[in-house]
Amino acid sequence: MDDTTIVTDSPVGQHLGAIGESKQATYLMFNKKKIELVAKITIGRDSSNDIVVDNKLASRHHAMIQKIRDAYFIKDEGSTNGTFVNEIRIPIEKYIKLNSGDKVTIGNSNLVIS
């Protein structure tokens, strides 16, 4: 079975922002889709996440990206197989700052910050 990824609308739509809402937007490239980051997004296998990663190596609630002041941070939510930034496994439950060009790996899926 092929691993597929589905980007869905969240019940809390403010997580995936509207174009033009911030002075200098930050984007997440995922499955050839450009997603503007605004406040907070959740990533994982469960359909309740803002970004659904449909592969066996992703946990149901794998990670979260959150804006804190003027920067974006990622936090592993206690996943089994870990969250990687630029091929380095990040500690569980610790916020790690993301920079433009960073590659986030969750399971077999890559997300790039731009």
PDB file of N, CA and C in Angstrom:
ATOM      1  N   MET A   1       0.840  -1.175   0.000  1.00  0.00           N
ATOM      2  CA  MET A   1       0.000   0.000   0.000  1.00  0.00           C
ATOM      3  C   MET A   1       0.887   1.241   0.000  1.00  0.00           C
ATOM      4  N   ASP A   2       0.561   2.218  -0.855  1.00  0.00           N
ATOM      5  CA  ASP A   2       1.304   3.456  -0.925  1.00  0.00           C
ATOM      6  C   ASP A   2       0.937   4.343   0.255  1.00  0.00           C
ATOM      7  N   ASP A   3       1.938   5.060   0.783  1.00  0.00           N
ATOM      8  CA  ASP A   3       1.670   6.035   1.819  1.00  0.00           C
ATOM      9  C   ASP A   3       1.144   7.290   1.154  1.00  0.00           C
ATOM     10  N   THR A   4       0.049   7.834   1.656  1.00  0.00           N
ATOM     11  CA  THR A   4      -0.513   9.061   1.122  1.00  0.00           C
ATOM     12  C   THR A   4      -0.644  10.061   2.242  1.00  0.00           C
ATOM     13  N   THR A   5      -0.704  11.311   1.891  1.00  0.00           N
ATOM     14  CA  THR A   5      -0.858  12.375   2.863  1.00  0.00           C
ATOM     15  C   THR A   5      -2.039  13.222   2.448  1.00  0.00           C
ATOM     16  N   ILE A   6      -2.844  13.593   3.419  1.00  0.00           N
ATOM     17  CA  ILE A   6      -4.037  14.375   3.156  1.00  0.00           C
ATOM     18  C   ILE A   6      -3.952  15.656   3.978  1.00  0.00           C
ATOM     19  N   VAL A   7      -4.106  16.800   3.325  1.00  0.00           N
ATOM     20  CA  VAL A   7      -4.181  18.070   4.031  1.00  0.00           C
ATOM     21  C   VAL A   7      -5.652  18.418   4.130  1.00  0.00           C
ATOM     22  N   THR A   8      -6.133  18.573   5.351  1.00  0.00           N
ATOM     23  CA  THR A   8      -7.562  18.816   5.545  1.00  0.00           C
ATOM     24  C   THR A   8      -7.788  20.153   6.225  1.00  0.00           C
ATOM     25  N   ASP A   9      -9.012  20.642   6.118  1.00  0.00           N
ATOM     26  CA  ASP A   9      -9.413  21.819   6.877  1.00  0.00           C
ATOM     27  C   ASP A   9      -9.672  21.386   8.306  1.00  0.00           C
ATOM     28  N   SER A  10      -9.166  22.154   9.232  1.00  0.00           N
ATOM     29  CA  SER A  10      -9.347  21.871  10.649  1.00  0.00           C
ATOM     30  C   SER A  10     -10.655  22.491  11.127  1.00  0.00           C
ATOM     31  N   PRO A  11     -11.252  21.927  12.162  1.00  0.00           N
ATOM     32  CA  PRO A  11     -12.422  22.576  12.750  1.00  0.00           C
ATOM     33  C   PRO A  11     -12.101  23.993  13.241  1.00  0.00           C
ATOM     34  N   VAL A  12     -10.853  24.232  13.551  1.00  0.00           N
ATOM     35  CA  VAL A  12     -10.437  25.580  13.939  1.00  0.00           C
ATOM     36  C   VAL A  12      -9.646  26.170  12.783  1.00  0.00           C
ATOM     37  N   GLY A  13     -10.329  26.805  11.870  1.00  0.00           N
ATOM     38  CA  GLY A  13      -9.766  27.262  10.610  1.00  0.00           C
ATOM     39  C   GLY A  13      -8.676  28.306  10.731  1.00  0.00           C
ATOM     40  N   GLN A  14      -8.530  28.950  11.872  1.00  0.00           N
ATOM     41  CA  GLN A  14      -7.494  29.964  11.996  1.00  0.00           C
ATOM     42  C   GLN A  14      -6.096  29.373  11.962  1.00  0.00           C
ATOM     43  N   HIS A  15      -5.954  28.063  12.117  1.00  0.00           N
ATOM     44  CA  HIS A  15      -4.633  27.448  12.129  1.00  0.00           C
ATOM     45  C   HIS A  15      -3.948  27.554  10.780  1.00  0.00           C
ATOM     46  N   LEU A  16      -4.671  27.363   9.713  1.00  0.00           N
ATOM     47  CA  LEU A  16      -4.117  27.521   8.379  1.00  0.00           C
ATOM     48  C   LEU A  16      -4.619  28.858   7.867  1.00  0.00           C
ATOM     49  N   GLY A  17      -3.717  29.828   7.778  1.00  0.00           N
ATOM     50  CA  GLY A  17      -4.124  31.206   7.640  1.00  0.00           C
ATOM     51  C   GLY A  17      -4.538  31.675   6.275  1.00  0.00           C
ATOM     52  N   ALA A  18      -5.125  32.824   6.303  1.00  0.00           N
ATOM     53  CA  ALA A  18      -5.527  33.493   5.077  1.00  0.00           C
ATOM     54  C   ALA A  18      -4.342  34.286   4.544  1.00  0.00           C
ATOM     55  N   ILE A  19      -4.202  34.315   3.230  1.00  0.00           N
ATOM     56  CA  ILE A  19      -3.124  35.053   2.581  1.00  0.00           C
ATOM     57  C   ILE A  19      -3.240  36.525   2.970  1.00  0.00           C
ATOM     58  N   GLY A  20      -2.089  37.132   3.265  1.00  0.00           N
ATOM     59  CA  GLY A  20      -2.061  38.553   3.564  1.00  0.00           C
ATOM     60  C   GLY A  20      -2.306  38.899   5.015  1.00  0.00           C
ATOM     61  N   GLU A  21      -2.441  37.923   5.876  1.00  0.00           N
ATOM     62  CA  GLU A  21      -2.740  38.193   7.269  1.00  0.00           C
ATOM     63  C   GLU A  21      -1.511  38.659   8.051  1.00  0.00           C
ATOM     64  N   SER A  22      -0.321  38.261   7.634  1.00  0.00           N
ATOM     65  CA  SER A  22       0.885  38.665   8.332  1.00  0.00           C
ATOM     66  C   SER A  22       1.765  39.499   7.415  1.00  0.00           C
ATOM     67  N   LYS A  23       2.644  40.303   8.002  1.00  0.00           N
ATOM     68  CA  LYS A  23       3.511  41.166   7.213  1.00  0.00           C
ATOM     69  C   LYS A  23       4.445  40.351   6.331  1.00  0.00           C
ATOM     70  N   GLN A  24       5.102  39.383   6.900  1.00  0.00           N
ATOM     71  CA  GLN A  24       5.985  38.510   6.137  1.00  0.00           C
ATOM     72  C   GLN A  24       5.554  37.078   6.438  1.00  0.00           C
ATOM     73  N   ALA A  25       4.886  36.480   5.504  1.00  0.00           N
ATOM     74  CA  ALA A  25       4.306  35.155   5.732  1.00  0.00           C
ATOM     75  C   ALA A  25       5.380  34.077   5.754  1.00  0.00           C
ATOM     76  N   THR A  26       5.123  33.054   6.543  1.00  0.00           N
ATOM     77  CA  THR A  26       5.950  31.859   6.571  1.00  0.00           C
ATOM     78  C   THR A  26       5.098  30.720   6.047  1.00  0.00           C
ATOM     79  N   TYR A  27       5.697  29.903   5.192  1.00  0.00           N
ATOM     80  CA  TYR A  27       4.955  28.830   4.548  1.00  0.00           C
ATOM     81  C   TYR A  27       5.572  27.479   4.863  1.00  0.00           C
ATOM     82  N   LEU A  28       4.749  26.478   4.725  1.00  0.00           N
ATOM     83  CA  LEU A  28       5.147  25.093   4.861  1.00  0.00           C
ATOM     84  C   LEU A  28       4.842  24.426   3.532  1.00  0.00           C
ATOM     85  N   MET A  29       5.850  23.869   2.895  1.00  0.00           N
ATOM     86  CA  MET A  29       5.660  23.140   1.643  1.00  0.00           C
ATOM     87  C   MET A  29       5.475  21.668   1.998  1.00  0.00           C
ATOM     88  N   PHE A  30       4.345  21.116   1.527  1.00  0.00           N
ATOM     89  CA  PHE A  30       4.012  19.753   1.898  1.00  0.00           C
ATOM     90  C   PHE A  30       3.223  19.119   0.765  1.00  0.00           C
ATOM     91  N   ASN A  31       3.738  18.031   0.218  1.00  0.00           N
ATOM     92  CA  ASN A  31       3.073  17.342  -0.903  1.00  0.00           C
ATOM     93  C   ASN A  31       2.724  18.298  -2.040  1.00  0.00           C
ATOM     94  N   LYS A  32       3.694  19.120  -2.394  1.00  0.00           N
ATOM     95  CA  LYS A  32       3.546  20.082  -3.492  1.00  0.00           C
ATOM     96  C   LYS A  32       2.489  21.143  -3.209  1.00  0.00           C
ATOM     97  N   LYS A  33       2.128  21.318  -1.940  1.00  0.00           N
ATOM     98  CA  LYS A  33       1.160  22.343  -1.546  1.00  0.00           C
ATOM     99  C   LYS A  33       1.860  23.354  -0.648  1.00  0.00           C
ATOM    100  N   LYS A  34       1.516  24.615  -0.830  1.00  0.00           N
ATOM    101  CA  LYS A  34       2.074  25.707  -0.039  1.00  0.00           C
ATOM    102  C   LYS A  34       1.024  26.118   0.978  1.00  0.00           C
ATOM    103  N   ILE A  35       1.346  25.932   2.259  1.00  0.00           N
ATOM    104  CA  ILE A  35       0.413  26.200   3.354  1.00  0.00           C
ATOM    105  C   ILE A  35       0.980  27.340   4.189  1.00  0.00           C
ATOM    106  N   GLU A  36       0.208  28.410   4.340  1.00  0.00           N
ATOM    107  CA  GLU A  36       0.669  29.524   5.164  1.00  0.00           C
ATOM    108  C   GLU A  36       0.498  29.180   6.641  1.00  0.00           C
ATOM    109  N   LEU A  37       1.565  29.397   7.405  1.00  0.00           N
ATOM    110  CA  LEU A  37       1.503  29.192   8.852  1.00  0.00           C
ATOM    111  C   LEU A  37       1.036  30.484   9.500  1.00  0.00           C
ATOM    112  N   VAL A  38       0.098  30.370  10.435  1.00  0.00           N
ATOM    113  CA  VAL A  38      -0.408  31.567  11.110  1.00  0.00           C
ATOM    114  C   VAL A  38      -0.191  31.467  12.616  1.00  0.00           C
ATOM    115  N   ALA A  39      -0.909  30.630  13.294  1.00  0.00           N
ATOM    116  CA  ALA A  39      -0.823  30.559  14.760  1.00  0.00           C
ATOM    117  C   ALA A  39      -0.277  29.213  15.222  1.00  0.00           C
ATOM    118  N   LYS A  40      -1.000  28.152  14.873  1.00  0.00           N
ATOM    119  CA  LYS A  40      -0.615  26.824  15.344  1.00  0.00           C
ATOM    120  C   LYS A  40      -1.230  25.796  14.407  1.00  0.00           C
ATOM    121  N   ILE A  41      -0.466  24.751  14.086  1.00  0.00           N
ATOM    122  CA  ILE A  41      -1.020  23.624  13.340  1.00  0.00           C
ATOM    123  C   ILE A  41      -0.586  22.328  14.010  1.00  0.00           C
ATOM    124  N   THR A  42      -1.441  21.348  13.907  1.00  0.00           N
ATOM    125  CA  THR A  42      -1.119  20.024  14.420  1.00  0.00           C
ATOM    126  C   THR A  42      -0.878  19.092  13.244  1.00  0.00           C
ATOM    127  N   ILE A  43       0.007  18.139  13.453  1.00  0.00           N
ATOM    128  CA  ILE A  43       0.402  17.210  12.393  1.00  0.00           C
ATOM    129  C   ILE A  43       0.374  15.802  12.958  1.00  0.00           C
ATOM    130  N   GLY A  44      -0.217  14.877  12.215  1.00  0.00           N
ATOM    131  CA  GLY A  44      -0.241  13.488  12.645  1.00  0.00           C
ATOM    132  C   GLY A  44      -1.154  12.649  11.773  1.00  0.00           C
ATOM    133  N   ARG A  45      -1.309  11.401  12.147  1.00  0.00           N
ATOM    134  CA  ARG A  45      -2.099  10.433  11.380  1.00  0.00           C
ATOM    135  C   ARG A  45      -3.605  10.581  11.593  1.00  0.00           C
ATOM    136  N   ASP A  46      -4.018  11.091  12.732  1.00  0.00           N
ATOM    137  CA  ASP A  46      -5.432  11.205  13.053  1.00  0.00           C
ATOM    138  C   ASP A  46      -6.095  12.295  12.201  1.00  0.00           C
ATOM    139  N   SER A  47      -7.334  12.054  11.795  1.00  0.00           N
ATOM    140  CA  SER A  47      -8.045  12.997  10.923  1.00  0.00           C
ATOM    141  C   SER A  47      -8.366  14.330  11.598  1.00  0.00           C
ATOM    142  N   SER A  48      -8.206  14.421  12.903  1.00  0.00           N
ATOM    143  CA  SER A  48      -8.474  15.681  13.603  1.00  0.00           C
ATOM    144  C   SER A  48      -7.322  16.683  13.465  1.00  0.00           C
ATOM    145  N   ASN A  49      -6.189  16.256  12.920  1.00  0.00           N
ATOM    146  CA  ASN A  49      -5.041  17.147  12.750  1.00  0.00           C
ATOM    147  C   ASN A  49      -5.259  18.110  11.591  1.00  0.00           C
ATOM    148  N   ASP A  50      -4.569  19.242  11.645  1.00  0.00           N
ATOM    149  CA  ASP A  50      -4.608  20.204  10.548  1.00  0.00           C
ATOM    150  C   ASP A  50      -3.945  19.625   9.300  1.00  0.00           C
ATOM    151  N   ILE A  51      -2.838  18.927   9.498  1.00  0.00           N
ATOM    152  CA  ILE A  51      -2.163  18.228   8.406  1.00  0.00           C
ATOM    153  C   ILE A  51      -2.152  16.749   8.756  1.00  0.00           C
ATOM    154  N   VAL A  52      -2.777  15.947   7.907  1.00  0.00           N
ATOM    155  CA  VAL A  52      -2.865  14.509   8.138  1.00  0.00           C
ATOM    156  C   VAL A  52      -1.773  13.807   7.336  1.00  0.00           C
ATOM    157  N   VAL A  53      -0.913  13.089   8.062  1.00  0.00           N
ATOM    158  CA  VAL A  53       0.167  12.325   7.459  1.00  0.00           C
ATOM    159  C   VAL A  53      -0.234  10.861   7.524  1.00  0.00           C
ATOM    160  N   ASP A  54      -0.553  10.303   6.379  1.00  0.00           N
ATOM    161  CA  ASP A  54      -1.081   8.949   6.322  1.00  0.00           C
ATOM    162  C   ASP A  54       0.024   7.943   6.016  1.00  0.00           C
ATOM    163  N   ASN A  55       0.869   7.701   7.017  1.00  0.00           N
ATOM    164  CA  ASN A  55       1.829   6.601   6.900  1.00  0.00           C
ATOM    165  C   ASN A  55       2.067   6.006   8.273  1.00  0.00           C
ATOM    166  N   LYS A  56       2.474   4.764   8.280  1.00  0.00           N
ATOM    167  CA  LYS A  56       2.549   3.993   9.526  1.00  0.00           C
ATOM    168  C   LYS A  56       3.590   4.499  10.511  1.00  0.00           C
ATOM    169  N   LEU A  57       4.553   5.284  10.055  1.00  0.00           N
ATOM    170  CA  LEU A  57       5.595   5.788  10.944  1.00  0.00           C
ATOM    171  C   LEU A  57       5.198   7.066  11.674  1.00  0.00           C
ATOM    172  N   ALA A  58       4.072   7.645  11.295  1.00  0.00           N
ATOM    173  CA  ALA A  58       3.571   8.858  11.963  1.00  0.00           C
ATOM    174  C   ALA A  58       2.619   8.456  13.086  1.00  0.00           C
ATOM    175  N   SER A  59       2.724   9.131  14.208  1.00  0.00           N
ATOM    176  CA  SER A  59       1.802   8.905  15.324  1.00  0.00           C
ATOM    177  C   SER A  59       0.493   9.643  15.064  1.00  0.00           C
ATOM    178  N   ARG A  60      -0.540   9.265  15.815  1.00  0.00           N
ATOM    179  CA  ARG A  60      -1.848   9.902  15.639  1.00  0.00           C
ATOM    180  C   ARG A  60      -1.776  11.414  15.859  1.00  0.00           C
ATOM    181  N   HIS A  61      -1.102  11.833  16.903  1.00  0.00           N
ATOM    182  CA  HIS A  61      -0.876  13.256  17.184  1.00  0.00           C
ATOM    183  C   HIS A  61       0.629  13.417  17.330  1.00  0.00           C
ATOM    184  N   HIS A  62       1.288  13.613  16.215  1.00  0.00           N
ATOM    185  CA  HIS A  62       2.737  13.496  16.125  1.00  0.00           C
ATOM    186  C   HIS A  62       3.475  14.766  16.578  1.00  0.00           C
ATOM    187  N   ALA A  63       3.114  15.919  15.999  1.00  0.00           N
ATOM    188  CA  ALA A  63       3.856  17.146  16.282  1.00  0.00           C
ATOM    189  C   ALA A  63       2.950  18.352  16.144  1.00  0.00           C
ATOM    190  N   MET A  64       3.467  19.496  16.626  1.00  0.00           N
ATOM    191  CA  MET A  64       2.743  20.748  16.530  1.00  0.00           C
ATOM    192  C   MET A  64       3.725  21.835  16.136  1.00  0.00           C
ATOM    193  N   ILE A  65       3.299  22.720  15.229  1.00  0.00           N
ATOM    194  CA  ILE A  65       4.071  23.919  14.899  1.00  0.00           C
ATOM    195  C   ILE A  65       3.282  25.094  15.439  1.00  0.00           C
ATOM    196  N   GLN A  66       3.969  25.964  16.181  1.00  0.00           N
ATOM    197  CA  GLN A  66       3.287  27.080  16.829  1.00  0.00           C
ATOM    198  C   GLN A  66       4.110  28.353  16.672  1.00  0.00           C
ATOM    199  N   LYS A  67       3.402  29.461  16.450  1.00  0.00           N
ATOM    200  CA  LYS A  67       4.055  30.768  16.388  1.00  0.00           C
ATOM    201  C   LYS A  67       4.160  31.313  17.796  1.00  0.00           C
ATOM    202  N   ILE A  68       5.368  31.695  18.168  1.00  0.00           N
ATOM    203  CA  ILE A  68       5.621  32.318  19.460  1.00  0.00           C
ATOM    204  C   ILE A  68       6.364  33.614  19.171  1.00  0.00           C
ATOM    205  N   ARG A  69       5.732  34.709  19.478  1.00  0.00           N
ATOM    206  CA  ARG A  69       6.181  36.052  19.099  1.00  0.00           C
ATOM    207  C   ARG A  69       6.322  36.105  17.587  1.00  0.00           C
ATOM    208  N   ASP A  70       7.518  36.309  17.064  1.00  0.00           N
ATOM    209  CA  ASP A  70       7.693  36.445  15.616  1.00  0.00           C
ATOM    210  C   ASP A  70       8.388  35.240  14.998  1.00  0.00           C
ATOM    211  N   ALA A  71       8.398  34.110  15.677  1.00  0.00           N
ATOM    212  CA  ALA A  71       9.097  32.926  15.162  1.00  0.00           C
ATOM    213  C   ALA A  71       8.189  31.699  15.273  1.00  0.00           C
ATOM    214  N   TYR A  72       8.515  30.682  14.486  1.00  0.00           N
ATOM    215  CA  TYR A  72       7.774  29.425  14.528  1.00  0.00           C
ATOM    216  C   TYR A  72       8.628  28.360  15.191  1.00  0.00           C
ATOM    217  N   PHE A  73       7.962  27.532  16.003  1.00  0.00           N
ATOM    218  CA  PHE A  73       8.627  26.468  16.729  1.00  0.00           C
ATOM    219  C   PHE A  73       7.872  25.170  16.485  1.00  0.00           C
ATOM    220  N   ILE A  74       8.616  24.059  16.516  1.00  0.00           N
ATOM    221  CA  ILE A  74       7.989  22.746  16.397  1.00  0.00           C
ATOM    222  C   ILE A  74       8.197  21.995  17.698  1.00  0.00           C
ATOM    223  N   LYS A  75       7.218  21.193  18.061  1.00  0.00           N
ATOM    224  CA  LYS A  75       7.305  20.371  19.267  1.00  0.00           C
ATOM    225  C   LYS A  75       6.811  18.978  18.932  1.00  0.00           C
ATOM    226  N   ASP A  76       7.612  17.970  19.260  1.00  0.00           N
ATOM    227  CA  ASP A  76       7.185  16.577  19.129  1.00  0.00           C
ATOM    228  C   ASP A  76       6.234  16.290  20.276  1.00  0.00           C
ATOM    229  N   GLU A  77       5.060  15.760  19.957  1.00  0.00           N
ATOM    230  CA  GLU A  77       4.015  15.543  20.953  1.00  0.00           C
ATOM    231  C   GLU A  77       4.090  14.157  21.613  1.00  0.00           C
ATOM    232  N   GLY A  78       5.291  13.584  21.674  1.00  0.00           N
ATOM    233  CA  GLY A  78       5.451  12.271  22.293  1.00  0.00           C
ATOM    234  C   GLY A  78       5.337  11.138  21.297  1.00  0.00           C
ATOM    235  N   SER A  79       5.704  11.395  20.059  1.00  0.00           N
ATOM    236  CA  SER A  79       5.581  10.378  19.005  1.00  0.00           C
ATOM    237  C   SER A  79       6.497   9.190  19.264  1.00  0.00           C
ATOM    238  N   THR A  80       6.132   8.066  18.678  1.00  0.00           N
ATOM    239  CA  THR A  80       6.928   6.848  18.821  1.00  0.00           C
ATOM    240  C   THR A  80       8.210   6.907  18.011  1.00  0.00           C
ATOM    241  N   ASN A  81       8.114   7.369  16.769  1.00  0.00           N
ATOM    242  CA  ASN A  81       9.255   7.329  15.854  1.00  0.00           C
ATOM    243  C   ASN A  81      10.000   8.649  15.711  1.00  0.00           C
ATOM    244  N   GLY A  82       9.593   9.662  16.429  1.00  0.00           N
ATOM    245  CA  GLY A  82      10.330  10.911  16.472  1.00  0.00           C
ATOM    246  C   GLY A  82       9.999  11.882  15.357  1.00  0.00           C
ATOM    247  N   THR A  83      10.381  13.124  15.612  1.00  0.00           N
ATOM    248  CA  THR A  83      10.282  14.216  14.654  1.00  0.00           C
ATOM    249  C   THR A  83      11.699  14.690  14.401  1.00  0.00           C
ATOM    250  N   PHE A  84      12.017  14.921  13.134  1.00  0.00           N
ATOM    251  CA  PHE A  84      13.373  15.294  12.752  1.00  0.00           C
ATOM    252  C   PHE A  84      13.364  16.658  12.082  1.00  0.00           C
ATOM    253  N   VAL A  85      14.322  17.495  12.455  1.00  0.00           N
ATOM    254  CA  VAL A  85      14.539  18.775  11.781  1.00  0.00           C
ATOM    255  C   VAL A  85      15.935  18.718  11.199  1.00  0.00           C
ATOM    256  N   ASN A  86      16.014  18.820   9.876  1.00  0.00           N
ATOM    257  CA  ASN A  86      17.295  18.714   9.169  1.00  0.00           C
ATOM    258  C   ASN A  86      18.038  17.436   9.558  1.00  0.00           C
ATOM    259  N   GLU A  87      17.290  16.343   9.606  1.00  0.00           N
ATOM    260  CA  GLU A  87      17.783  14.988   9.872  1.00  0.00           C
ATOM    261  C   GLU A  87      18.273  14.756  11.298  1.00  0.00           C
ATOM    262  N   ILE A  88      17.967  15.687  12.206  1.00  0.00           N
ATOM    263  CA  ILE A  88      18.339  15.529  13.618  1.00  0.00           C
ATOM    264  C   ILE A  88      17.054  15.357  14.422  1.00  0.00           C
ATOM    265  N   ARG A  89      17.001  14.266  15.195  1.00  0.00           N
ATOM    266  CA  ARG A  89      15.811  14.003  16.017  1.00  0.00           C
ATOM    267  C   ARG A  89      15.707  15.042  17.118  1.00  0.00           C
ATOM    268  N   ILE A  90      14.515  15.635  17.262  1.00  0.00           N
ATOM    269  CA  ILE A  90      14.337  16.651  18.291  1.00  0.00           C
ATOM    270  C   ILE A  90      13.805  15.994  19.567  1.00  0.00           C
ATOM    271  N   PRO A  91      14.094  16.598  20.716  1.00  0.00           N
ATOM    272  CA  PRO A  91      13.589  16.038  21.978  1.00  0.00           C
ATOM    273  C   PRO A  91      12.068  16.130  22.058  1.00  0.00           C
ATOM    274  N   ILE A  92      11.470  15.166  22.724  1.00  0.00           N
ATOM    275  CA  ILE A  92      10.021  15.154  22.935  1.00  0.00           C
ATOM    276  C   ILE A  92       9.630  16.301  23.860  1.00  0.00           C
ATOM    277  N   GLU A  93       8.500  16.952  23.525  1.00  0.00           N
ATOM    278  CA  GLU A  93       7.890  18.012  24.346  1.00  0.00           C
ATOM    279  C   GLU A  93       8.778  19.244  24.532  1.00  0.00           C
ATOM    280  N   LYS A  94       9.759  19.470  23.641  1.00  0.00           N
ATOM    281  CA  LYS A  94      10.595  20.657  23.717  1.00  0.00           C
ATOM    282  C   LYS A  94      10.411  21.450  22.432  1.00  0.00           C
ATOM    283  N   TYR A  95      10.197  22.761  22.550  1.00  0.00           N
ATOM    284  CA  TYR A  95      10.027  23.621  21.388  1.00  0.00           C
ATOM    285  C   TYR A  95      11.379  23.879  20.717  1.00  0.00           C
ATOM    286  N   ILE A  96      11.434  23.649  19.409  1.00  0.00           N
ATOM    287  CA  ILE A  96      12.638  23.867  18.616  1.00  0.00           C
ATOM    288  C   ILE A  96      12.309  24.917  17.557  1.00  0.00           C
ATOM    289  N   LYS A  97      13.115  25.968  17.482  1.00  0.00           N
ATOM    290  CA  LYS A  97      12.865  27.046  16.531  1.00  0.00           C
ATOM    291  C   LYS A  97      13.089  26.556  15.101  1.00  0.00           C
ATOM    292  N   LEU A  98      12.178  26.953  14.211  1.00  0.00           N
ATOM    293  CA  LEU A  98      12.286  26.623  12.792  1.00  0.00           C
ATOM    294  C   LEU A  98      12.753  27.843  12.019  1.00  0.00           C
ATOM    295  N   ASN A  99      13.583  27.597  11.012  1.00  0.00           N
ATOM    296  CA  ASN A  99      14.092  28.651  10.152  1.00  0.00           C
ATOM    297  C   ASN A  99      13.743  28.335   8.706  1.00  0.00           C
ATOM    298  N   SER A 100      13.741  29.359   7.886  1.00  0.00           N
ATOM    299  CA  SER A 100      13.477  29.172   6.467  1.00  0.00           C
ATOM    300  C   SER A 100      14.456  28.147   5.888  1.00  0.00           C
ATOM    301  N   GLY A 101      13.928  27.200   5.147  1.00  0.00           N
ATOM    302  CA  GLY A 101      14.748  26.152   4.552  1.00  0.00           C
ATOM    303  C   GLY A 101      14.853  24.887   5.376  1.00  0.00           C
ATOM    304  N   ASP A 102      14.404  24.922   6.622  1.00  0.00           N
ATOM    305  CA  ASP A 102      14.452  23.717   7.455  1.00  0.00           C
ATOM    306  C   ASP A 102      13.557  22.628   6.879  1.00  0.00           C
ATOM    307  N   LYS A 103      14.048  21.390   6.948  1.00  0.00           N
ATOM    308  CA  LYS A 103      13.269  20.233   6.506  1.00  0.00           C
ATOM    309  C   LYS A 103      12.824  19.464   7.735  1.00  0.00           C
ATOM    310  N   VAL A 104      11.503  19.325   7.888  1.00  0.00           N
ATOM    311  CA  VAL A 104      10.918  18.578   8.989  1.00  0.00           C
ATOM    312  C   VAL A 104      10.490  17.222   8.441  1.00  0.00           C
ATOM    313  N   THR A 105      10.905  16.151   9.122  1.00  0.00           N
ATOM    314  CA  THR A 105      10.530  14.802   8.698  1.00  0.00           C
ATOM    315  C   THR A 105       9.674  14.160   9.772  1.00  0.00           C
ATOM    316  N   ILE A 106       8.498  13.702   9.336  1.00  0.00           N
ATOM    317  CA  ILE A 106       7.550  13.001  10.199  1.00  0.00           C
ATOM    318  C   ILE A 106       7.192  11.716   9.472  1.00  0.00           C
ATOM    319  N   GLY A 107       7.588  10.587  10.046  1.00  0.00           N
ATOM    320  CA  GLY A 107       7.397   9.318   9.349  1.00  0.00           C
ATOM    321  C   GLY A 107       8.187   9.337   8.055  1.00  0.00           C
ATOM    322  N   ASN A 108       7.521   9.067   6.949  1.00  0.00           N
ATOM    323  CA  ASN A 108       8.163   9.120   5.637  1.00  0.00           C
ATOM    324  C   ASN A 108       7.867  10.418   4.900  1.00  0.00           C
ATOM    325  N   SER A 109       7.306  11.395   5.590  1.00  0.00           N
ATOM    326  CA  SER A 109       6.891  12.643   4.955  1.00  0.00           C
ATOM    327  C   SER A 109       7.835  13.777   5.308  1.00  0.00           C
ATOM    328  N   ASN A 110       8.125  14.606   4.309  1.00  0.00           N
ATOM    329  CA  ASN A 110       8.964  15.782   4.511  1.00  0.00           C
ATOM    330  C   ASN A 110       8.141  17.042   4.326  1.00  0.00           C
ATOM    331  N   LEU A 111       8.389  18.009   5.204  1.00  0.00           N
ATOM    332  CA  LEU A 111       7.755  19.316   5.146  1.00  0.00           C
ATOM    333  C   LEU A 111       8.885  20.328   5.166  1.00  0.00           C
ATOM    334  N   VAL A 112       8.831  21.347   4.324  1.00  0.00           N
ATOM    335  CA  VAL A 112       9.907  22.329   4.249  1.00  0.00           C
ATOM    336  C   VAL A 112       9.358  23.698   4.598  1.00  0.00           C
ATOM    337  N   ILE A 113      10.072  24.401   5.480  1.00  0.00           N
ATOM    338  CA  ILE A 113       9.696  25.749   5.891  1.00  0.00           C
ATOM    339  C   ILE A 113      10.271  26.735   4.880  1.00  0.00           C
ATOM    340  N   SER A 114       9.423  27.656   4.419  1.00  0.00           N
ATOM    341  CA  SER A 114       9.929  28.665   3.470  1.00  0.00           C
ATOM    342  C   SER A 114       9.414  30.046   3.822  1.00  0.00           C
TER     343      SER A 114
END
